Amino acid sequence: MNTFGQAAILGLCFGLLWGMGCTLAIMYSIYLAGYRKAVKESLKPVKPERYSHVLHAILTKKAMKSQRKIEAAAARPPVEPPSQSPSQS
């Protein structure tokens, strides 16, 4: 009975690791296929509608973010330089 328990635990560990490895391999292959398609679409002379839409959304988001940074910097009071005392000269 003692050897059965060890074998069961060993089989469970190997099965779990094998299953996780297969899952990661499948997820990686799906990721690569999507990446390849995106690169192919970006190199086409006439861009697909979805590519143009996503690119426009990204550029709009970046512009809004930089605009918010500019507005936040303008709203802050200016920082005064430290005054030099005569002992520092």
PDB file of N, CA and C in Angstrom:
ATOM      1  N   MET A   1       0.821  -1.196   0.000  1.00  0.00           N
ATOM      2  CA  MET A   1       0.000   0.000   0.000  1.00  0.00           C
ATOM      3  C   MET A   1       0.864   1.258   0.000  1.00  0.00           C
ATOM      4  N   ASN A   2       2.015   1.161   0.650  1.00  0.00           N
ATOM      5  CA  ASN A   2       2.901   2.308   0.759  1.00  0.00           C
ATOM      6  C   ASN A   2       3.463   2.698  -0.611  1.00  0.00           C
ATOM      7  N   THR A   3       3.820   1.711  -1.440  1.00  0.00           N
ATOM      8  CA  THR A   3       4.379   2.018  -2.760  1.00  0.00           C
ATOM      9  C   THR A   3       3.319   2.583  -3.696  1.00  0.00           C
ATOM     10  N   PHE A   4       2.068   2.169  -3.517  1.00  0.00           N
ATOM     11  CA  PHE A   4       1.004   2.700  -4.352  1.00  0.00           C
ATOM     12  C   PHE A   4       0.828   4.199  -4.109  1.00  0.00           C
ATOM     13  N   GLY A   5       0.895   4.625  -2.864  1.00  0.00           N
ATOM     14  CA  GLY A   5       0.733   6.043  -2.538  1.00  0.00           C
ATOM     15  C   GLY A   5       1.843   6.881  -3.155  1.00  0.00           C
ATOM     16  N   GLN A   6       3.074   6.390  -3.091  1.00  0.00           N
ATOM     17  CA  GLN A   6       4.189   7.120  -3.686  1.00  0.00           C
ATOM     18  C   GLN A   6       4.049   7.191  -5.205  1.00  0.00           C
ATOM     19  N   ALA A   7       3.627   6.102  -5.814  1.00  0.00           N
ATOM     20  CA  ALA A   7       3.460   6.071  -7.263  1.00  0.00           C
ATOM     21  C   ALA A   7       2.327   7.000  -7.692  1.00  0.00           C
ATOM     22  N   ALA A   8       1.277   7.019  -6.900  1.00  0.00           N
ATOM     23  CA  ALA A   8       0.149   7.892  -7.229  1.00  0.00           C
ATOM     24  C   ALA A   8       0.570   9.360  -7.165  1.00  0.00           C
ATOM     25  N   ILE A   9       1.298   9.722  -6.136  1.00  0.00           N
ATOM     26  CA  ILE A   9       1.751  11.113  -6.005  1.00  0.00           C
ATOM     27  C   ILE A   9       2.734  11.456  -7.118  1.00  0.00           C
ATOM     28  N   LEU A  10       3.638  10.552  -7.436  1.00  0.00           N
ATOM     29  CA  LEU A  10       4.582  10.776  -8.513  1.00  0.00           C
ATOM     30  C   LEU A  10       3.845  10.921  -9.851  1.00  0.00           C
ATOM     31  N   GLY A  11       2.873  10.055 -10.106  1.00  0.00           N
ATOM     32  CA  GLY A  11       2.080  10.150 -11.330  1.00  0.00           C
ATOM     33  C   GLY A  11       1.291  11.443 -11.404  1.00  0.00           C
ATOM     34  N   LEU A  12       0.750  11.866 -10.262  1.00  0.00           N
ATOM     35  CA  LEU A  12       0.011  13.125 -10.220  1.00  0.00           C
ATOM     36  C   LEU A  12       0.919  14.304 -10.566  1.00  0.00           C
ATOM     37  N   CYS A  13       2.115  14.323 -10.000  1.00  0.00           N
ATOM     38  CA  CYS A  13       3.059  15.419 -10.270  1.00  0.00           C
ATOM     39  C   CYS A  13       3.468  15.431 -11.742  1.00  0.00           C
ATOM     40  N   PHE A  14       3.830  14.248 -12.278  1.00  0.00           N
ATOM     41  CA  PHE A  14       4.214  14.200 -13.685  1.00  0.00           C
ATOM     42  C   PHE A  14       3.050  14.581 -14.595  1.00  0.00           C
ATOM     43  N   GLY A  15       1.865  14.115 -14.275  1.00  0.00           N
ATOM     44  CA  GLY A  15       0.694  14.452 -15.078  1.00  0.00           C
ATOM     45  C   GLY A  15       0.395  15.943 -15.051  1.00  0.00           C
ATOM     46  N   LEU A  16       0.521  16.524 -13.881  1.00  0.00           N
ATOM     47  CA  LEU A  16       0.270  17.961 -13.749  1.00  0.00           C
ATOM     48  C   LEU A  16       1.298  18.759 -14.539  1.00  0.00           C
ATOM     49  N   LEU A  17       2.573  18.389 -14.415  1.00  0.00           N
ATOM     50  CA  LEU A  17       3.623  19.109 -15.147  1.00  0.00           C
ATOM     51  C   LEU A  17       3.468  18.919 -16.654  1.00  0.00           C
ATOM     52  N   TRP A  18       3.137  17.704 -17.092  1.00  0.00           N
ATOM     53  CA  TRP A  18       2.936  17.440 -18.519  1.00  0.00           C
ATOM     54  C   TRP A  18       1.774  18.275 -19.056  1.00  0.00           C
ATOM     55  N   GLY A  19       0.699  18.310 -18.307  1.00  0.00           N
ATOM     56  CA  GLY A  19      -0.467  19.087 -18.731  1.00  0.00           C
ATOM     57  C   GLY A  19      -0.172  20.578 -18.801  1.00  0.00           C
ATOM     58  N   MET A  20       0.557  21.091 -17.817  1.00  0.00           N
ATOM     59  CA  MET A  20       0.911  22.513 -17.832  1.00  0.00           C
ATOM     60  C   MET A  20       1.837  22.821 -19.008  1.00  0.00           C
ATOM     61  N   GLY A  21       2.773  21.926 -19.284  1.00  0.00           N
ATOM     62  CA  GLY A  21       3.691  22.128 -20.407  1.00  0.00           C
ATOM     63  C   GLY A  21       2.954  22.146 -21.734  1.00  0.00           C
ATOM     64  N   CYS A  22       2.016  21.237 -21.908  1.00  0.00           N
ATOM     65  CA  CYS A  22       1.230  21.204 -23.148  1.00  0.00           C
ATOM     66  C   CYS A  22       0.379  22.461 -23.291  1.00  0.00           C
ATOM     67  N   THR A  23      -0.205  22.892 -22.198  1.00  0.00           N
ATOM     68  CA  THR A  23      -1.030  24.099 -22.231  1.00  0.00           C
ATOM     69  C   THR A  23      -0.201  25.307 -22.618  1.00  0.00           C
ATOM     70  N   LEU A  24       0.973  25.441 -22.030  1.00  0.00           N
ATOM     71  CA  LEU A  24       1.842  26.571 -22.370  1.00  0.00           C
ATOM     72  C   LEU A  24       2.290  26.515 -23.828  1.00  0.00           C
ATOM     73  N   ALA A  25       2.573  25.337 -24.337  1.00  0.00           N
ATOM     74  CA  ALA A  25       2.978  25.200 -25.732  1.00  0.00           C
ATOM     75  C   ALA A  25       1.851  25.618 -26.671  1.00  0.00           C
ATOM     76  N   ILE A  26       0.638  25.228 -26.356  1.00  0.00           N
ATOM     77  CA  ILE A  26      -0.514  25.606 -27.190  1.00  0.00           C
ATOM     78  C   ILE A  26      -0.735  27.108 -27.133  1.00  0.00           C
ATOM     79  N   MET A  27      -0.682  27.691 -25.938  1.00  0.00           N
ATOM     80  CA  MET A  27      -0.880  29.136 -25.807  1.00  0.00           C
ATOM     81  C   MET A  27       0.203  29.902 -26.565  1.00  0.00           C
ATOM     82  N   TYR A  28       1.440  29.425 -26.517  1.00  0.00           N
ATOM     83  CA  TYR A  28       2.538  30.087 -27.216  1.00  0.00           C
ATOM     84  C   TYR A  28       2.346  30.024 -28.728  1.00  0.00           C
ATOM     85  N   SER A  29       1.893  28.883 -29.237  1.00  0.00           N
ATOM     86  CA  SER A  29       1.681  28.765 -30.683  1.00  0.00           C
ATOM     87  C   SER A  29       0.536  29.664 -31.136  1.00  0.00           C
ATOM     88  N   ILE A  30      -0.498  29.814 -30.318  1.00  0.00           N
ATOM     89  CA  ILE A  30      -1.595  30.722 -30.659  1.00  0.00           C
ATOM     90  C   ILE A  30      -1.085  32.158 -30.665  1.00  0.00           C
ATOM     91  N   TYR A  31      -0.255  32.501 -29.691  1.00  0.00           N
ATOM     92  CA  TYR A  31       0.319  33.852 -29.614  1.00  0.00           C
ATOM     93  C   TYR A  31       1.161  34.142 -30.855  1.00  0.00           C
ATOM     94  N   LEU A  32       2.005  33.192 -31.245  1.00  0.00           N
ATOM     95  CA  LEU A  32       2.853  33.416 -32.409  1.00  0.00           C
ATOM     96  C   LEU A  32       2.046  33.567 -33.683  1.00  0.00           C
ATOM     97  N   ALA A  33       0.994  32.797 -33.831  1.00  0.00           N
ATOM     98  CA  ALA A  33       0.165  32.904 -35.034  1.00  0.00           C
ATOM     99  C   ALA A  33      -0.473  34.282 -35.113  1.00  0.00           C
ATOM    100  N   GLY A  34      -0.962  34.783 -34.003  1.00  0.00           N
ATOM    101  CA  GLY A  34      -1.549  36.126 -33.995  1.00  0.00           C
ATOM    102  C   GLY A  34      -0.515  37.195 -34.287  1.00  0.00           C
ATOM    103  N   TYR A  35       0.686  37.014 -33.770  1.00  0.00           N
ATOM    104  CA  TYR A  35       1.761  37.978 -33.994  1.00  0.00           C
ATOM    105  C   TYR A  35       2.158  38.001 -35.465  1.00  0.00           C
ATOM    106  N   ARG A  36       2.278  36.817 -36.063  1.00  0.00           N
ATOM    107  CA  ARG A  36       2.632  36.742 -37.480  1.00  0.00           C
ATOM    108  C   ARG A  36       1.589  37.440 -38.344  1.00  0.00           C
ATOM    109  N   LYS A  37       0.323  37.210 -38.030  1.00  0.00           N
ATOM    110  CA  LYS A  37      -0.735  37.833 -38.818  1.00  0.00           C
ATOM    111  C   LYS A  37      -0.685  39.344 -38.672  1.00  0.00           C
ATOM    112  N   ALA A  38      -0.435  39.827 -37.468  1.00  0.00           N
ATOM    113  CA  ALA A  38      -0.358  41.270 -37.254  1.00  0.00           C
ATOM    114  C   ALA A  38       0.800  41.879 -38.039  1.00  0.00           C
ATOM    115  N   VAL A  39       1.933  41.194 -38.072  1.00  0.00           N
ATOM    116  CA  VAL A  39       3.076  41.708 -38.829  1.00  0.00           C
ATOM    117  C   VAL A  39       2.766  41.708 -40.317  1.00  0.00           C
ATOM    118  N   LYS A  40       2.142  40.646 -40.816  1.00  0.00           N
ATOM    119  CA  LYS A  40       1.770  40.593 -42.235  1.00  0.00           C
ATOM    120  C   LYS A  40       0.831  41.742 -42.591  1.00  0.00           C
ATOM    121  N   GLU A  41      -0.170  41.988 -41.735  1.00  0.00           N
ATOM    122  CA  GLU A  41      -1.122  43.056 -42.010  1.00  0.00           C
ATOM    123  C   GLU A  41      -0.459  44.424 -41.973  1.00  0.00           C
ATOM    124  N   SER A  42       0.507  44.600 -41.093  1.00  0.00           N
ATOM    125  CA  SER A  42       1.152  45.910 -40.995  1.00  0.00           C
ATOM    126  C   SER A  42       2.057  46.191 -42.186  1.00  0.00           C
ATOM    127  N   LEU A  43       2.509  45.139 -42.884  1.00  0.00           N
ATOM    128  CA  LEU A  43       3.390  45.326 -44.035  1.00  0.00           C
ATOM    129  C   LEU A  43       2.632  45.443 -45.361  1.00  0.00           C
ATOM    130  N   LYS A  44       1.345  45.220 -45.346  1.00  0.00           N
ATOM    131  CA  LYS A  44       0.571  45.332 -46.582  1.00  0.00           C
ATOM    132  C   LYS A  44       0.526  46.782 -47.043  1.00  0.00           C
ATOM    133  N   PRO A  45       0.518  47.014 -48.376  1.00  0.00           N
ATOM    134  CA  PRO A  45       0.445  48.397 -48.857  1.00  0.00           C
ATOM    135  C   PRO A  45      -0.899  49.055 -48.518  1.00  0.00           C
ATOM    136  N   VAL A  46      -1.976  48.284 -48.592  1.00  0.00           N
ATOM    137  CA  VAL A  46      -3.291  48.799 -48.206  1.00  0.00           C
ATOM    138  C   VAL A  46      -3.650  48.151 -46.884  1.00  0.00           C
ATOM    139  N   LYS A  47      -3.737  48.971 -45.850  1.00  0.00           N
ATOM    140  CA  LYS A  47      -3.971  48.448 -44.504  1.00  0.00           C
ATOM    141  C   LYS A  47      -5.434  48.015 -44.349  1.00  0.00           C
ATOM    142  N   PRO A  48      -5.678  46.935 -43.622  1.00  0.00           N
ATOM    143  CA  PRO A  48      -7.050  46.515 -43.353  1.00  0.00           C
ATOM    144  C   PRO A  48      -7.765  47.546 -42.471  1.00  0.00           C
ATOM    145  N   GLU A  49      -9.071  47.534 -42.500  1.00  0.00           N
ATOM    146  CA  GLU A  49      -9.866  48.512 -41.734  1.00  0.00           C
ATOM    147  C   GLU A  49      -9.617  48.360 -40.233  1.00  0.00           C
ATOM    148  N   ARG A  50      -9.518  47.132 -39.774  1.00  0.00           N
ATOM    149  CA  ARG A  50      -9.296  46.904 -38.339  1.00  0.00           C
ATOM    150  C   ARG A  50      -7.954  47.480 -37.897  1.00  0.00           C
ATOM    151  N   TYR A  51      -6.917  47.287 -38.714  1.00  0.00           N
ATOM    152  CA  TYR A  51      -5.591  47.816 -38.401  1.00  0.00           C
ATOM    153  C   TYR A  51      -5.640  49.342 -38.287  1.00  0.00           C
ATOM    154  N   SER A  52      -6.302  49.984 -39.241  1.00  0.00           N
ATOM    155  CA  SER A  52      -6.402  51.446 -39.221  1.00  0.00           C
ATOM    156  C   SER A  52      -7.176  51.920 -38.001  1.00  0.00           C
ATOM    157  N   HIS A  53      -8.237  51.205 -37.658  1.00  0.00           N
ATOM    158  CA  HIS A  53      -9.054  51.587 -36.510  1.00  0.00           C
ATOM    159  C   HIS A  53      -8.254  51.476 -35.206  1.00  0.00           C
ATOM    160  N   VAL A  54      -7.537  50.375 -35.049  1.00  0.00           N
ATOM    161  CA  VAL A  54      -6.748  50.166 -33.829  1.00  0.00           C
ATOM    162  C   VAL A  54      -5.609  51.179 -33.748  1.00  0.00           C
ATOM    163  N   LEU A  55      -4.954  51.441 -34.854  1.00  0.00           N
ATOM    164  CA  LEU A  55      -3.873  52.425 -34.873  1.00  0.00           C
ATOM    165  C   LEU A  55      -4.394  53.813 -34.494  1.00  0.00           C
ATOM    166  N   HIS A  56      -5.548  54.181 -35.021  1.00  0.00           N
ATOM    167  CA  HIS A  56      -6.162  55.472 -34.675  1.00  0.00           C
ATOM    168  C   HIS A  56      -6.479  55.534 -33.180  1.00  0.00           C
ATOM    169  N   ALA A  57      -6.995  54.456 -32.631  1.00  0.00           N
ATOM    170  CA  ALA A  57      -7.325  54.426 -31.202  1.00  0.00           C
ATOM    171  C   ALA A  57      -6.069  54.572 -30.343  1.00  0.00           C
ATOM    172  N   ILE A  58      -4.992  53.918 -30.740  1.00  0.00           N
ATOM    173  CA  ILE A  58      -3.740  54.006 -29.977  1.00  0.00           C
ATOM    174  C   ILE A  58      -3.181  55.419 -30.029  1.00  0.00           C
ATOM    175  N   LEU A  59      -3.164  56.009 -31.214  1.00  0.00           N
ATOM    176  CA  LEU A  59      -2.627  57.362 -31.344  1.00  0.00           C
ATOM    177  C   LEU A  59      -3.480  58.382 -30.597  1.00  0.00           C
ATOM    178  N   THR A  60      -4.793  58.201 -30.601  1.00  0.00           N
ATOM    179  CA  THR A  60      -5.677  59.100 -29.862  1.00  0.00           C
ATOM    180  C   THR A  60      -5.420  58.986 -28.368  1.00  0.00           C
ATOM    181  N   LYS A  61      -5.260  57.770 -27.895  1.00  0.00           N
ATOM    182  CA  LYS A  61      -4.998  57.557 -26.471  1.00  0.00           C
ATOM    183  C   LYS A  61      -3.674  58.195 -26.052  1.00  0.00           C
ATOM    184  N   LYS A  62      -2.638  58.053 -26.893  1.00  0.00           N
ATOM    185  CA  LYS A  62      -1.345  58.663 -26.593  1.00  0.00           C
ATOM    186  C   LYS A  62      -1.454  60.188 -26.569  1.00  0.00           C
ATOM    187  N   ALA A  63      -2.187  60.750 -27.527  1.00  0.00           N
ATOM    188  CA  ALA A  63      -2.342  62.204 -27.586  1.00  0.00           C
ATOM    189  C   ALA A  63      -3.079  62.720 -26.356  1.00  0.00           C
ATOM    190  N   MET A  64      -4.114  62.006 -25.930  1.00  0.00           N
ATOM    191  CA  MET A  64      -4.860  62.424 -24.746  1.00  0.00           C
ATOM    192  C   MET A  64      -3.987  62.353 -23.500  1.00  0.00           C
ATOM    193  N   LYS A  65      -3.161  61.335 -23.408  1.00  0.00           N
ATOM    194  CA  LYS A  65      -2.286  61.178 -22.252  1.00  0.00           C
ATOM    195  C   LYS A  65      -1.263  62.313 -22.187  1.00  0.00           C
ATOM    196  N   SER A  66      -0.664  62.631 -23.333  1.00  0.00           N
ATOM    197  CA  SER A  66       0.313  63.722 -23.333  1.00  0.00           C
ATOM    198  C   SER A  66      -0.363  65.061 -23.073  1.00  0.00           C
ATOM    199  N   GLN A  67      -1.589  65.239 -23.560  1.00  0.00           N
ATOM    200  CA  GLN A  67      -2.328  66.479 -23.299  1.00  0.00           C
ATOM    201  C   GLN A  67      -2.619  66.616 -21.806  1.00  0.00           C
ATOM    202  N   ARG A  68      -2.983  65.512 -21.154  1.00  0.00           N
ATOM    203  CA  ARG A  68      -3.232  65.560 -19.702  1.00  0.00           C
ATOM    204  C   ARG A  68      -1.961  65.910 -18.939  1.00  0.00           C
ATOM    205  N   LYS A  69      -0.814  65.398 -19.397  1.00  0.00           N
ATOM    206  CA  LYS A  69       0.450  65.726 -18.744  1.00  0.00           C
ATOM    207  C   LYS A  69       0.754  67.214 -18.881  1.00  0.00           C
ATOM    208  N   ILE A  70       0.511  67.770 -20.063  1.00  0.00           N
ATOM    209  CA  ILE A  70       0.759  69.196 -20.289  1.00  0.00           C
ATOM    210  C   ILE A  70      -0.155  70.037 -19.420  1.00  0.00           C
ATOM    211  N   GLU A  71      -1.433  69.652 -19.348  1.00  0.00           N
ATOM    212  CA  GLU A  71      -2.380  70.397 -18.517  1.00  0.00           C
ATOM    213  C   GLU A  71      -2.022  70.308 -17.038  1.00  0.00           C
ATOM    214  N   ALA A  72      -1.572  69.149 -16.594  1.00  0.00           N
ATOM    215  CA  ALA A  72      -1.191  68.993 -15.196  1.00  0.00           C
ATOM    216  C   ALA A  72       0.040  69.828 -14.876  1.00  0.00           C
ATOM    217  N   ALA A  73       0.990  69.880 -15.803  1.00  0.00           N
ATOM    218  CA  ALA A  73       2.197  70.684 -15.581  1.00  0.00           C
ATOM    219  C   ALA A  73       1.854  72.169 -15.562  1.00  0.00           C
ATOM    220  N   ALA A  74       0.899  72.596 -16.393  1.00  0.00           N
ATOM    221  CA  ALA A  74       0.513  73.998 -16.423  1.00  0.00           C
ATOM    222  C   ALA A  74      -0.267  74.381 -15.164  1.00  0.00           C
ATOM    223  N   ALA A  75      -0.970  73.433 -14.568  1.00  0.00           N
ATOM    224  CA  ALA A  75      -1.770  73.723 -13.379  1.00  0.00           C
ATOM    225  C   ALA A  75      -0.913  73.840 -12.119  1.00  0.00           C
ATOM    226  N   ARG A  76       0.261  73.220 -12.120  1.00  0.00           N
ATOM    227  CA  ARG A  76       1.145  73.296 -10.954  1.00  0.00           C
ATOM    228  C   ARG A  76       1.783  74.673 -10.863  1.00  0.00           C
ATOM    229  N   PRO A  77       1.957  75.168  -9.646  1.00  0.00           N
ATOM    230  CA  PRO A  77       2.644  76.459  -9.511  1.00  0.00           C
ATOM    231  C   PRO A  77       4.118  76.293  -9.862  1.00  0.00           C
ATOM    232  N   PRO A  78       4.742  77.323 -10.402  1.00  0.00           N
ATOM    233  CA  PRO A  78       6.151  77.199 -10.771  1.00  0.00           C
ATOM    234  C   PRO A  78       7.026  77.022  -9.535  1.00  0.00           C
ATOM    235  N   VAL A  79       8.078  76.285  -9.702  1.00  0.00           N
ATOM    236  CA  VAL A  79       9.009  76.031  -8.607  1.00  0.00           C
ATOM    237  C   VAL A  79      10.066  77.127  -8.618  1.00  0.00           C
ATOM    238  N   GLU A  80      10.234  77.769  -7.489  1.00  0.00           N
ATOM    239  CA  GLU A  80      11.233  78.846  -7.389  1.00  0.00           C
ATOM    240  C   GLU A  80      12.593  78.231  -7.120  1.00  0.00           C
ATOM    241  N   PRO A  81      13.627  78.747  -7.775  1.00  0.00           N
ATOM    242  CA  PRO A  81      14.966  78.214  -7.494  1.00  0.00           C
ATOM    243  C   PRO A  81      15.393  78.603  -6.087  1.00  0.00           C
ATOM    244  N   PRO A  82      16.185  77.803  -5.446  1.00  0.00           N
ATOM    245  CA  PRO A  82      16.617  78.147  -4.095  1.00  0.00           C
ATOM    246  C   PRO A  82      17.508  79.383  -4.120  1.00  0.00           C
ATOM    247  N   SER A  83      17.297  80.264  -3.154  1.00  0.00           N
ATOM    248  CA  SER A  83      18.106  81.474  -3.097  1.00  0.00           C
ATOM    249  C   SER A  83      19.448  81.147  -2.489  1.00  0.00           C
ATOM    250  N   GLN A  84      20.477  81.770  -3.020  1.00  0.00           N
ATOM    251  CA  GLN A  84      21.820  81.512  -2.502  1.00  0.00           C
ATOM    252  C   GLN A  84      22.102  82.481  -1.381  1.00  0.00           C
ATOM    253  N   SER A  85      22.592  81.951  -0.298  1.00  0.00           N
ATOM    254  CA  SER A  85      22.956  82.796   0.820  1.00  0.00           C
ATOM    255  C   SER A  85      24.394  83.284   0.623  1.00  0.00           C
ATOM    256  N   PRO A  86      24.776  84.365   1.263  1.00  0.00           N
ATOM    257  CA  PRO A  86      26.138  84.884   1.067  1.00  0.00           C
ATOM    258  C   PRO A  86      27.222  83.904   1.481  1.00  0.00           C
ATOM    259  N   SER A  87      26.937  82.992   2.371  1.00  0.00           N
ATOM    260  CA  SER A  87      27.968  82.045   2.827  1.00  0.00           C
ATOM    261  C   SER A  87      28.275  80.994   1.758  1.00  0.00           C
ATOM    262  N   GLN A  88      27.359  80.779   0.832  1.00  0.00           N
ATOM    263  CA  GLN A  88      27.572  79.776  -0.208  1.00  0.00           C
ATOM    264  C   GLN A  88      28.386  80.323  -1.364  1.00  0.00           C
ATOM    265  N   SER A  89      28.538  81.602  -1.477  1.00  0.00           N
ATOM    266  CA  SER A  89      29.241  82.195  -2.606  1.00  0.00           C
ATOM    267  C   SER A  89      30.719  82.047  -2.503  1.00  0.00           C
TER     268      SER A  89
END
